[in-house]
Amino acid sequence: MFADRDRLHIALQKSGRLSDRSRDLLSRAGLRIQDGKNRLTARVENFPIDLMFVRDDDIPTLVNDGVCEFGVVGENVLREFELGRETMRIETVAKLGFGSCTLKIAAPIGFDYAGAQSLAGQRIATSYPRITTQWLADQGVEAEVVEMNGAVELAPKLGIAGFICDLVSTGQTLEANNLAAVDLVMESEAVLVRAKREFPAEMEELSENILTRIDGVLASAGSKYILLNAPGEALGEIQRILPGAGSPTVTPLHGKPGQFAVHAVCQESVFWETLQELKAAGGSAILVMPIEKMMA
């Protein structure tokens, strides 16, 4: 257990695709982080919180063992960890909307892949042996899983395995090694996880405060605040057009009978086509603004 139990501890990936986005999320939630990017730890100036910068596959262990109360980790890493444990003391508290990736089966280009049964009796190289083994079992396929810690895409070229199961983004790395993705094993994104145990009262209050702030940041992501003016007879159509707005706020315009100001938070994308529809429906003086923070 970590020695300083008067502070919360959050495990973050030290480097890699989730590192900068995780730090940015916490900064947008109002945490003033001391410079610790090239160190193992950093303190938060305005809260009793320490950040731990570690390898991504160490994050579930630190949270599960109670060393850290929170962590940001990819669902793929969390799932691989979970499949190797009888008891999990971790709960996922939020999907973070970044770090999206897919874990896929890849075969040599030109291979006639006819579904998971094409893998029966084959060797599959992967850095995710538990996920791959579970997926094969779910498909009713018996195959040999070969664990590799890196450069998985080289396995077919080196004769280690005929297929691979690896993370795929653009597919360029696969193509460069004469491979193509042929089946989806898992979709993943970054998640915020929390140790599943009771916190002391002060730490529980602090953790709820931080979670509320993070929820506010996530709720505002992609949301837009729309203001416009419209005649009363157009309000029904305008409310229908506003994307994901729920019930907008409508107030009379001073000195303009029958004219109203409409304020709405839109939680879906607002395209130019949407603005054109609003104008055609009777809207005017249309203003769209980003939302930095939002709290229910």
C-alpha atoms as a PDB file:
ATOM      1  CA  MET A   1       0.000   0.000   0.000  1.00  0.00           C
ATOM      2  CA  PHE A   2       1.205   3.572  -0.705  1.00  0.00           C
ATOM      3  CA  ALA A   3       2.661   5.283   2.362  1.00  0.00           C
ATOM      4  CA  ASP A   4       0.871   8.628   2.077  1.00  0.00           C
ATOM      5  CA  ARG A   5      -2.785   7.754   2.601  1.00  0.00           C
ATOM      6  CA  ASP A   6      -3.770  11.408   3.078  1.00  0.00           C
ATOM      7  CA  ARG A   7      -3.526  11.948  -0.669  1.00  0.00           C
ATOM      8  CA  LEU A   8      -5.295  10.466  -3.683  1.00  0.00           C
ATOM      9  CA  HIS A   9      -3.123   8.745  -6.262  1.00  0.00           C
ATOM     10  CA  ILE A  10      -3.911   8.589  -9.980  1.00  0.00           C
ATOM     11  CA  ALA A  11      -1.951   6.273 -12.282  1.00  0.00           C
ATOM     12  CA  LEU A  12      -1.336   7.580 -15.806  1.00  0.00           C
ATOM     13  CA  GLN A  13       0.542   6.199 -18.769  1.00  0.00           C
ATOM     14  CA  LYS A  14       4.046   7.694 -18.699  1.00  0.00           C
ATOM     15  CA  SER A  15       4.336   7.904 -22.481  1.00  0.00           C
ATOM     16  CA  GLY A  16       2.339   6.783 -25.478  1.00  0.00           C
ATOM     17  CA  ARG A  17      -1.003   7.572 -27.036  1.00  0.00           C
ATOM     18  CA  LEU A  18      -2.920   8.066 -23.771  1.00  0.00           C
ATOM     19  CA  SER A  19      -0.327  10.086 -21.857  1.00  0.00           C
ATOM     20  CA  ASP A  20      -0.901  13.622 -23.147  1.00  0.00           C
ATOM     21  CA  ARG A  21      -4.676  13.191 -23.429  1.00  0.00           C
ATOM     22  CA  SER A  22      -4.886  11.984 -19.804  1.00  0.00           C
ATOM     23  CA  ARG A  23      -2.919  14.954 -18.504  1.00  0.00           C
ATOM     24  CA  ASP A  24      -5.046  17.300 -20.618  1.00  0.00           C
ATOM     25  CA  LEU A  25      -8.255  15.810 -19.188  1.00  0.00           C
ATOM     26  CA  LEU A  26      -7.091  16.406 -15.618  1.00  0.00           C
ATOM     27  CA  SER A  27      -5.912  19.932 -16.453  1.00  0.00           C
ATOM     28  CA  ARG A  28      -9.293  20.762 -18.006  1.00  0.00           C
ATOM     29  CA  ALA A  29     -10.900  19.454 -14.811  1.00  0.00           C
ATOM     30  CA  GLY A  30      -8.990  22.155 -12.929  1.00  0.00           C
ATOM     31  CA  LEU A  31      -6.066  20.161 -11.563  1.00  0.00           C
ATOM     32  CA  ARG A  32      -2.871  22.240 -11.599  1.00  0.00           C
ATOM     33  CA  ILE A  33      -0.201  19.630 -12.275  1.00  0.00           C
ATOM     34  CA  GLN A  34       3.424  20.296 -11.419  1.00  0.00           C
ATOM     35  CA  ASP A  35       5.856  19.411 -14.178  1.00  0.00           C
ATOM     36  CA  GLY A  36       6.466  15.676 -13.854  1.00  0.00           C
ATOM     37  CA  LYS A  37       6.211  14.412 -17.388  1.00  0.00           C
ATOM     38  CA  ASN A  38       9.735  12.970 -17.364  1.00  0.00           C
ATOM     39  CA  ARG A  39       9.564  11.758 -13.793  1.00  0.00           C
ATOM     40  CA  LEU A  40       7.738   8.949 -12.062  1.00  0.00           C
ATOM     41  CA  THR A  41       5.457  11.205 -10.006  1.00  0.00           C
ATOM     42  CA  ALA A  42       3.998  14.714  -9.972  1.00  0.00           C
ATOM     43  CA  ARG A  43       1.973  16.584  -7.389  1.00  0.00           C
ATOM     44  CA  VAL A  44      -1.245  18.477  -8.004  1.00  0.00           C
ATOM     45  CA  GLU A  45      -0.854  21.959  -6.534  1.00  0.00           C
ATOM     46  CA  ASN A  46      -4.469  22.696  -5.648  1.00  0.00           C
ATOM     47  CA  PHE A  47      -5.590  19.256  -4.382  1.00  0.00           C
ATOM     48  CA  PRO A  48      -3.983  16.554  -2.210  1.00  0.00           C
ATOM     49  CA  ILE A  49      -3.391  14.372  -5.265  1.00  0.00           C
ATOM     50  CA  ASP A  50      -0.280  12.642  -6.625  1.00  0.00           C
ATOM     51  CA  LEU A  51       0.064  11.435 -10.197  1.00  0.00           C
ATOM     52  CA  MET A  52       2.029   8.268 -10.930  1.00  0.00           C
ATOM     53  CA  PHE A  53       3.544   7.934 -14.422  1.00  0.00           C
ATOM     54  CA  VAL A  54       3.932   4.251 -15.256  1.00  0.00           C
ATOM     55  CA  ARG A  55       3.712   1.678 -18.049  1.00  0.00           C
ATOM     56  CA  ASP A  56       0.153   1.207 -19.293  1.00  0.00           C
ATOM     57  CA  ASP A  57       0.020  -2.474 -18.319  1.00  0.00           C
ATOM     58  CA  ASP A  58       1.065  -1.604 -14.747  1.00  0.00           C
ATOM     59  CA  ILE A  59      -1.920   0.694 -14.194  1.00  0.00           C
ATOM     60  CA  PRO A  60      -4.531  -2.024 -13.493  1.00  0.00           C
ATOM     61  CA  THR A  61      -2.133  -3.674 -11.008  1.00  0.00           C
ATOM     62  CA  LEU A  62      -1.577  -0.416  -9.105  1.00  0.00           C
ATOM     63  CA  VAL A  63      -5.307   0.262  -8.837  1.00  0.00           C
ATOM     64  CA  ASN A  64      -6.253  -3.357  -8.122  1.00  0.00           C
ATOM     65  CA  ASP A  65      -3.671  -3.585  -5.327  1.00  0.00           C
ATOM     66  CA  GLY A  66      -4.814  -0.320  -3.744  1.00  0.00           C
ATOM     67  CA  VAL A  67      -1.597   1.585  -4.435  1.00  0.00           C
ATOM     68  CA  CYS A  68      -3.540   4.093  -6.552  1.00  0.00           C
ATOM     69  CA  GLU A  69      -7.158   5.042  -6.104  1.00  0.00           C
ATOM     70  CA  PHE A  70      -7.676   5.945  -9.772  1.00  0.00           C
ATOM     71  CA  GLY A  71      -6.113   5.242 -13.135  1.00  0.00           C
ATOM     72  CA  VAL A  72      -6.568   6.027 -16.822  1.00  0.00           C
ATOM     73  CA  VAL A  73      -6.057   2.974 -19.017  1.00  0.00           C
ATOM     74  CA  GLY A  74      -7.147   1.484 -22.315  1.00  0.00           C
ATOM     75  CA  GLU A  75     -10.023  -0.993 -22.178  1.00  0.00           C
ATOM     76  CA  ASN A  76      -7.841  -3.493 -24.038  1.00  0.00           C
ATOM     77  CA  VAL A  77      -5.190  -3.404 -21.281  1.00  0.00           C
ATOM     78  CA  LEU A  78      -7.849  -3.591 -18.570  1.00  0.00           C
ATOM     79  CA  ARG A  79      -9.539  -6.568 -20.239  1.00  0.00           C
ATOM     80  CA  GLU A  80      -6.251  -8.456 -20.613  1.00  0.00           C
ATOM     81  CA  PHE A  81      -5.583  -7.871 -16.898  1.00  0.00           C
ATOM     82  CA  GLU A  82      -9.116  -8.890 -15.896  1.00  0.00           C
ATOM     83  CA  LEU A  83      -8.972 -12.217 -17.739  1.00  0.00           C
ATOM     84  CA  GLY A  84      -5.975 -13.204 -15.659  1.00  0.00           C
ATOM     85  CA  ARG A  85      -7.668 -12.600 -12.291  1.00  0.00           C
ATOM     86  CA  GLU A  86     -10.314 -14.445 -10.310  1.00  0.00           C
ATOM     87  CA  THR A  87     -11.094 -11.316  -8.280  1.00  0.00           C
ATOM     88  CA  MET A  88     -11.140  -7.764  -9.616  1.00  0.00           C
ATOM     89  CA  ARG A  89     -10.986  -4.854  -7.200  1.00  0.00           C
ATOM     90  CA  ILE A  90     -11.380  -2.295  -9.985  1.00  0.00           C
ATOM     91  CA  GLU A  91     -14.462  -0.580 -11.362  1.00  0.00           C
ATOM     92  CA  THR A  92     -14.784   1.501 -14.514  1.00  0.00           C
ATOM     93  CA  VAL A  93     -16.320   4.873 -13.671  1.00  0.00           C
ATOM     94  CA  ALA A  94     -16.176   6.667 -17.044  1.00  0.00           C
ATOM     95  CA  LYS A  95     -15.400   6.159 -20.708  1.00  0.00           C
ATOM     96  CA  LEU A  96     -13.219   9.070 -21.735  1.00  0.00           C
ATOM     97  CA  GLY A  97     -13.844   9.381 -25.465  1.00  0.00           C
ATOM     98  CA  PHE A  98     -10.208   9.258 -26.567  1.00  0.00           C
ATOM     99  CA  GLY A  99      -7.612   6.581 -27.243  1.00  0.00           C
ATOM    100  CA  SER A 100      -9.973   4.661 -29.511  1.00  0.00           C
ATOM    101  CA  CYS A 101      -8.488   1.610 -31.210  1.00  0.00           C
ATOM    102  CA  THR A 102      -9.454  -1.854 -32.383  1.00  0.00           C
ATOM    103  CA  LEU A 103      -7.901  -5.225 -31.694  1.00  0.00           C
ATOM    104  CA  LYS A 104      -8.086  -7.261 -34.892  1.00  0.00           C
ATOM    105  CA  ILE A 105      -7.035 -10.527 -36.439  1.00  0.00           C
ATOM    106  CA  ALA A 106      -4.706  -9.927 -39.398  1.00  0.00           C
ATOM    107  CA  ALA A 107      -3.784 -12.394 -42.129  1.00  0.00           C
ATOM    108  CA  PRO A 108      -1.333 -12.293 -45.036  1.00  0.00           C
ATOM    109  CA  ILE A 109      -2.673 -10.185 -47.902  1.00  0.00           C
ATOM    110  CA  GLY A 110      -4.460 -12.422 -50.357  1.00  0.00           C
ATOM    111  CA  PHE A 111      -5.384 -15.083 -47.790  1.00  0.00           C
ATOM    112  CA  ASP A 112      -8.932 -16.312 -48.356  1.00  0.00           C
ATOM    113  CA  TYR A 113     -10.326 -15.671 -44.880  1.00  0.00           C
ATOM    114  CA  ALA A 114     -13.750 -17.258 -44.383  1.00  0.00           C
ATOM    115  CA  GLY A 115     -14.408 -16.357 -40.759  1.00  0.00           C
ATOM    116  CA  ALA A 116     -12.926 -17.475 -37.457  1.00  0.00           C
ATOM    117  CA  GLN A 117     -12.969 -21.129 -38.543  1.00  0.00           C
ATOM    118  CA  SER A 118     -10.110 -20.286 -40.924  1.00  0.00           C
ATOM    119  CA  LEU A 119      -7.922 -20.009 -37.812  1.00  0.00           C
ATOM    120  CA  ALA A 120      -8.522 -23.597 -36.630  1.00  0.00           C
ATOM    121  CA  GLY A 121      -5.200 -25.320 -35.960  1.00  0.00           C
ATOM    122  CA  GLN A 122      -3.209 -22.175 -36.807  1.00  0.00           C
ATOM    123  CA  ARG A 123      -0.674 -20.182 -34.749  1.00  0.00           C
ATOM    124  CA  ILE A 124      -1.644 -16.612 -33.838  1.00  0.00           C
ATOM    125  CA  ALA A 125       0.929 -14.166 -32.452  1.00  0.00           C
ATOM    126  CA  THR A 126      -0.282 -11.424 -30.114  1.00  0.00           C
ATOM    127  CA  SER A 127       0.551  -9.159 -27.186  1.00  0.00           C
ATOM    128  CA  TYR A 128      -2.927  -9.923 -25.832  1.00  0.00           C
ATOM    129  CA  PRO A 129      -2.897 -13.685 -25.286  1.00  0.00           C
ATOM    130  CA  ARG A 130      -5.799 -13.805 -22.815  1.00  0.00           C
ATOM    131  CA  ILE A 131      -8.127 -11.702 -24.956  1.00  0.00           C
ATOM    132  CA  THR A 132      -7.194 -13.672 -28.052  1.00  0.00           C
ATOM    133  CA  THR A 133      -7.661 -17.023 -26.304  1.00  0.00           C
ATOM    134  CA  GLN A 134     -11.052 -15.940 -24.956  1.00  0.00           C
ATOM    135  CA  TRP A 135     -12.154 -14.703 -28.384  1.00  0.00           C
ATOM    136  CA  LEU A 136     -11.151 -17.984 -30.023  1.00  0.00           C
ATOM    137  CA  ALA A 137     -13.069 -19.903 -27.355  1.00  0.00           C
ATOM    138  CA  ASP A 138     -16.136 -17.728 -27.957  1.00  0.00           C
ATOM    139  CA  GLN A 139     -15.864 -18.546 -31.668  1.00  0.00           C
ATOM    140  CA  GLY A 140     -15.519 -22.256 -30.940  1.00  0.00           C
ATOM    141  CA  VAL A 141     -12.090 -22.365 -32.584  1.00  0.00           C
ATOM    142  CA  GLU A 142      -9.018 -24.235 -31.351  1.00  0.00           C
ATOM    143  CA  ALA A 143      -5.760 -22.533 -32.286  1.00  0.00           C
ATOM    144  CA  GLU A 144      -2.349 -21.923 -30.721  1.00  0.00           C
ATOM    145  CA  VAL A 145      -1.761 -18.465 -29.276  1.00  0.00           C
ATOM    146  CA  VAL A 146       1.857 -17.280 -29.296  1.00  0.00           C
ATOM    147  CA  GLU A 147       2.623 -14.401 -26.913  1.00  0.00           C
ATOM    148  CA  MET A 148       4.890 -11.617 -28.146  1.00  0.00           C
ATOM    149  CA  ASN A 149       5.711  -8.363 -26.336  1.00  0.00           C
ATOM    150  CA  GLY A 150       6.344  -6.273 -29.422  1.00  0.00           C
ATOM    151  CA  ALA A 151       6.775  -6.223 -33.200  1.00  0.00           C
ATOM    152  CA  VAL A 152       3.858  -8.651 -33.493  1.00  0.00           C
ATOM    153  CA  GLU A 153       3.378  -7.771 -37.157  1.00  0.00           C
ATOM    154  CA  LEU A 154       6.744  -9.419 -37.953  1.00  0.00           C
ATOM    155  CA  ALA A 155       5.595 -12.850 -36.726  1.00  0.00           C
ATOM    156  CA  PRO A 156       4.343 -14.163 -40.105  1.00  0.00           C
ATOM    157  CA  LYS A 157       7.452 -12.866 -41.908  1.00  0.00           C
ATOM    158  CA  LEU A 158       9.691 -14.612 -39.352  1.00  0.00           C
ATOM    159  CA  GLY A 159       7.700 -17.834 -39.485  1.00  0.00           C
ATOM    160  CA  ILE A 160       6.634 -17.568 -35.842  1.00  0.00           C
ATOM    161  CA  ALA A 161       2.919 -17.600 -36.637  1.00  0.00           C
ATOM    162  CA  GLY A 162       0.665 -17.457 -39.664  1.00  0.00           C
ATOM    163  CA  PHE A 163      -1.659 -14.805 -38.219  1.00  0.00           C
ATOM    164  CA  ILE A 164      -1.539 -12.021 -35.669  1.00  0.00           C
ATOM    165  CA  CYS A 165      -3.970 -10.343 -33.276  1.00  0.00           C
ATOM    166  CA  ASP A 166      -2.902  -6.744 -32.742  1.00  0.00           C
ATOM    167  CA  LEU A 167      -4.095  -3.173 -32.299  1.00  0.00           C
ATOM    168  CA  VAL A 168      -4.980  -1.503 -35.588  1.00  0.00           C
ATOM    169  CA  SER A 169      -5.461   2.186 -36.296  1.00  0.00           C
ATOM    170  CA  THR A 170      -4.763   3.150 -39.918  1.00  0.00           C
ATOM    171  CA  GLY A 171      -3.646  -0.301 -41.074  1.00  0.00           C
ATOM    172  CA  GLN A 172      -0.474   1.120 -42.620  1.00  0.00           C
ATOM    173  CA  THR A 173       1.824  -0.950 -40.406  1.00  0.00           C
ATOM    174  CA  LEU A 174      -0.036  -4.099 -41.389  1.00  0.00           C
ATOM    175  CA  GLU A 175       0.150  -3.234 -45.062  1.00  0.00           C
ATOM    176  CA  ALA A 176       3.879  -2.564 -44.783  1.00  0.00           C
ATOM    177  CA  ASN A 177       4.281  -6.124 -43.530  1.00  0.00           C
ATOM    178  CA  ASN A 178       2.025  -7.665 -46.195  1.00  0.00           C
ATOM    179  CA  LEU A 179      -0.865  -8.130 -43.752  1.00  0.00           C
ATOM    180  CA  ALA A 180      -4.521  -7.088 -43.741  1.00  0.00           C
ATOM    181  CA  ALA A 181      -7.096  -6.991 -40.933  1.00  0.00           C
ATOM    182  CA  VAL A 182      -9.733  -9.687 -41.425  1.00  0.00           C
ATOM    183  CA  ASP A 183     -11.727  -9.893 -38.166  1.00  0.00           C
ATOM    184  CA  LEU A 184     -12.624  -7.711 -35.200  1.00  0.00           C
ATOM    185  CA  VAL A 185     -11.761  -9.007 -31.730  1.00  0.00           C
ATOM    186  CA  MET A 186     -12.389  -5.939 -29.559  1.00  0.00           C
ATOM    187  CA  GLU A 187     -13.049  -2.204 -29.716  1.00  0.00           C
ATOM    188  CA  SER A 188     -11.327  -0.116 -27.060  1.00  0.00           C
ATOM    189  CA  GLU A 189     -10.994   3.408 -25.706  1.00  0.00           C
ATOM    190  CA  ALA A 190      -9.493   5.028 -22.632  1.00  0.00           C
ATOM    191  CA  VAL A 191     -11.429   4.614 -19.392  1.00  0.00           C
ATOM    192  CA  LEU A 192     -11.158   6.045 -15.900  1.00  0.00           C
ATOM    193  CA  VAL A 193     -10.971   3.264 -13.321  1.00  0.00           C
ATOM    194  CA  ARG A 194     -11.283   3.374  -9.548  1.00  0.00           C
ATOM    195  CA  ALA A 195     -10.231   1.020  -6.792  1.00  0.00           C
ATOM    196  CA  LYS A 196     -13.249  -0.900  -5.564  1.00  0.00           C
ATOM    197  CA  ARG A 197     -12.907  -0.289  -1.831  1.00  0.00           C
ATOM    198  CA  GLU A 198     -14.062   2.135   0.830  1.00  0.00           C
ATOM    199  CA  PHE A 199     -12.160   5.419   1.033  1.00  0.00           C
ATOM    200  CA  PRO A 200     -11.744   7.483   4.218  1.00  0.00           C
ATOM    201  CA  ALA A 201     -14.422  10.169   4.430  1.00  0.00           C
ATOM    202  CA  GLU A 202     -12.157  13.039   3.328  1.00  0.00           C
ATOM    203  CA  MET A 203     -10.748  11.036   0.420  1.00  0.00           C
ATOM    204  CA  GLU A 204     -14.254   9.972  -0.632  1.00  0.00           C
ATOM    205  CA  GLU A 205     -15.353  13.618  -0.718  1.00  0.00           C
ATOM    206  CA  LEU A 206     -12.276  14.554  -2.729  1.00  0.00           C
ATOM    207  CA  SER A 207     -12.759  11.688  -5.174  1.00  0.00           C
ATOM    208  CA  GLU A 208     -16.403  12.664  -5.753  1.00  0.00           C
ATOM    209  CA  ASN A 209     -15.304  16.256  -6.345  1.00  0.00           C
ATOM    210  CA  ILE A 210     -12.780  15.162  -8.966  1.00  0.00           C
ATOM    211  CA  LEU A 211     -15.270  12.795 -10.623  1.00  0.00           C
ATOM    212  CA  THR A 212     -17.840  15.593 -10.849  1.00  0.00           C
ATOM    213  CA  ARG A 213     -15.287  17.818 -12.544  1.00  0.00           C
ATOM    214  CA  ILE A 214     -14.268  15.097 -14.998  1.00  0.00           C
ATOM    215  CA  ASP A 215     -17.928  14.382 -15.767  1.00  0.00           C
ATOM    216  CA  GLY A 216     -18.329  18.093 -16.514  1.00  0.00           C
ATOM    217  CA  VAL A 217     -15.411  18.060 -18.924  1.00  0.00           C
ATOM    218  CA  LEU A 218     -16.726  14.934 -20.665  1.00  0.00           C
ATOM    219  CA  ALA A 219     -20.262  16.319 -20.876  1.00  0.00           C
ATOM    220  CA  SER A 220     -19.006  19.471 -22.580  1.00  0.00           C
ATOM    221  CA  ALA A 221     -16.889  17.600 -25.144  1.00  0.00           C
ATOM    222  CA  GLY A 222     -18.397  18.212 -28.553  1.00  0.00           C
ATOM    223  CA  SER A 223     -21.274  20.218 -27.070  1.00  0.00           C
ATOM    224  CA  LYS A 224     -22.173  23.629 -28.424  1.00  0.00           C
ATOM    225  CA  TYR A 225     -24.161  26.538 -27.026  1.00  0.00           C
ATOM    226  CA  ILE A 226     -26.541  28.022 -29.608  1.00  0.00           C
ATOM    227  CA  LEU A 227     -28.262  31.386 -29.363  1.00  0.00           C
ATOM    228  CA  LEU A 228     -30.697  32.701 -31.954  1.00  0.00           C
ATOM    229  CA  ASN A 229     -33.758  34.862 -32.393  1.00  0.00           C
ATOM    230  CA  ALA A 230     -36.992  33.569 -33.902  1.00  0.00           C
ATOM    231  CA  PRO A 231     -40.694  34.417 -34.256  1.00  0.00           C
ATOM    232  CA  GLY A 232     -43.100  32.529 -32.015  1.00  0.00           C
ATOM    233  CA  GLU A 233     -44.638  30.531 -34.884  1.00  0.00           C
ATOM    234  CA  ALA A 234     -41.193  29.108 -35.756  1.00  0.00           C
ATOM    235  CA  LEU A 235     -40.260  27.833 -32.289  1.00  0.00           C
ATOM    236  CA  GLY A 236     -41.653  24.324 -32.763  1.00  0.00           C
ATOM    237  CA  GLU A 237     -39.731  23.731 -35.988  1.00  0.00           C
ATOM    238  CA  ILE A 238     -36.553  25.263 -34.551  1.00  0.00           C
ATOM    239  CA  GLN A 239     -36.687  22.996 -31.503  1.00  0.00           C
ATOM    240  CA  ARG A 240     -37.060  20.024 -33.840  1.00  0.00           C
ATOM    241  CA  ILE A 241     -33.985  21.056 -35.824  1.00  0.00           C
ATOM    242  CA  LEU A 242     -31.679  21.754 -32.856  1.00  0.00           C
ATOM    243  CA  PRO A 243     -29.452  18.631 -32.539  1.00  0.00           C
ATOM    244  CA  GLY A 244     -29.661  16.892 -29.167  1.00  0.00           C
ATOM    245  CA  ALA A 245     -30.830  20.056 -27.440  1.00  0.00           C
ATOM    246  CA  GLY A 246     -33.587  18.743 -25.173  1.00  0.00           C
ATOM    247  CA  SER A 247     -35.748  21.696 -24.050  1.00  0.00           C
ATOM    248  CA  PRO A 248     -34.210  25.060 -25.029  1.00  0.00           C
ATOM    249  CA  THR A 249     -34.657  28.219 -22.990  1.00  0.00           C
ATOM    250  CA  VAL A 250     -37.031  30.643 -24.725  1.00  0.00           C
ATOM    251  CA  THR A 251     -37.426  34.261 -23.575  1.00  0.00           C
ATOM    252  CA  PRO A 252     -39.332  37.201 -25.165  1.00  0.00           C
ATOM    253  CA  LEU A 253     -37.226  39.854 -26.886  1.00  0.00           C
ATOM    254  CA  HIS A 254     -37.654  43.278 -25.307  1.00  0.00           C
ATOM    255  CA  GLY A 255     -39.486  45.704 -27.568  1.00  0.00           C
ATOM    256  CA  LYS A 256     -40.195  43.075 -30.254  1.00  0.00           C
ATOM    257  CA  PRO A 257     -43.606  41.461 -29.682  1.00  0.00           C
ATOM    258  CA  GLY A 258     -43.842  37.910 -31.003  1.00  0.00           C
ATOM    259  CA  GLN A 259     -40.045  37.577 -31.213  1.00  0.00           C
ATOM    260  CA  PHE A 260     -38.088  35.311 -28.881  1.00  0.00           C
ATOM    261  CA  ALA A 261     -34.494  34.538 -27.955  1.00  0.00           C
ATOM    262  CA  VAL A 262     -33.663  30.836 -27.977  1.00  0.00           C
ATOM    263  CA  HIS A 263     -30.766  29.419 -25.908  1.00  0.00           C
ATOM    264  CA  ALA A 264     -29.869  25.737 -26.252  1.00  0.00           C
ATOM    265  CA  VAL A 265     -27.080  23.338 -25.351  1.00  0.00           C
ATOM    266  CA  CYS A 266     -26.636  20.946 -28.270  1.00  0.00           C
ATOM    267  CA  GLN A 267     -24.927  17.691 -27.391  1.00  0.00           C
ATOM    268  CA  GLU A 268     -24.563  16.564 -30.999  1.00  0.00           C
ATOM    269  CA  SER A 269     -22.522  18.002 -33.842  1.00  0.00           C
ATOM    270  CA  VAL A 270     -23.714  21.311 -35.239  1.00  0.00           C
ATOM    271  CA  PHE A 271     -22.992  21.497 -38.979  1.00  0.00           C
ATOM    272  CA  TRP A 272     -23.357  24.398 -41.403  1.00  0.00           C
ATOM    273  CA  GLU A 273     -26.335  22.560 -42.842  1.00  0.00           C
ATOM    274  CA  THR A 274     -27.993  22.765 -39.421  1.00  0.00           C
ATOM    275  CA  LEU A 275     -27.500  26.541 -39.332  1.00  0.00           C
ATOM    276  CA  GLN A 276     -28.981  26.846 -42.789  1.00  0.00           C
ATOM    277  CA  GLU A 277     -32.019  24.845 -41.687  1.00  0.00           C
ATOM    278  CA  LEU A 278     -32.449  27.082 -38.637  1.00  0.00           C
ATOM    279  CA  LYS A 279     -32.260  30.193 -40.809  1.00  0.00           C
ATOM    280  CA  ALA A 280     -34.767  28.758 -43.285  1.00  0.00           C
ATOM    281  CA  ALA A 281     -37.139  27.982 -40.399  1.00  0.00           C
ATOM    282  CA  GLY A 282     -37.096  31.626 -39.293  1.00  0.00           C
ATOM    283  CA  GLY A 283     -34.030  31.858 -37.075  1.00  0.00           C
ATOM    284  CA  SER A 284     -31.791  34.934 -37.176  1.00  0.00           C
ATOM    285  CA  ALA A 285     -28.681  36.271 -35.411  1.00  0.00           C
ATOM    286  CA  ILE A 286     -27.565  32.653 -34.958  1.00  0.00           C
ATOM    287  CA  LEU A 287     -24.509  32.250 -32.721  1.00  0.00           C
ATOM    288  CA  VAL A 288     -22.708  28.957 -31.978  1.00  0.00           C
ATOM    289  CA  MET A 289     -20.137  28.788 -29.157  1.00  0.00           C
ATOM    290  CA  PRO A 290     -18.041  25.946 -27.725  1.00  0.00           C
ATOM    291  CA  ILE A 291     -18.618  24.868 -24.126  1.00  0.00           C
ATOM    292  CA  GLU A 292     -15.520  24.480 -21.980  1.00  0.00           C
ATOM    293  CA  LYS A 293     -17.168  23.084 -18.843  1.00  0.00           C
ATOM    294  CA  MET A 294     -20.638  21.865 -17.942  1.00  0.00           C
ATOM    295  CA  MET A 295     -22.093  20.694 -14.637  1.00  0.00           C
ATOM    296  CA  ALA A 296     -25.586  19.313 -14.100  1.00  0.00           C
END
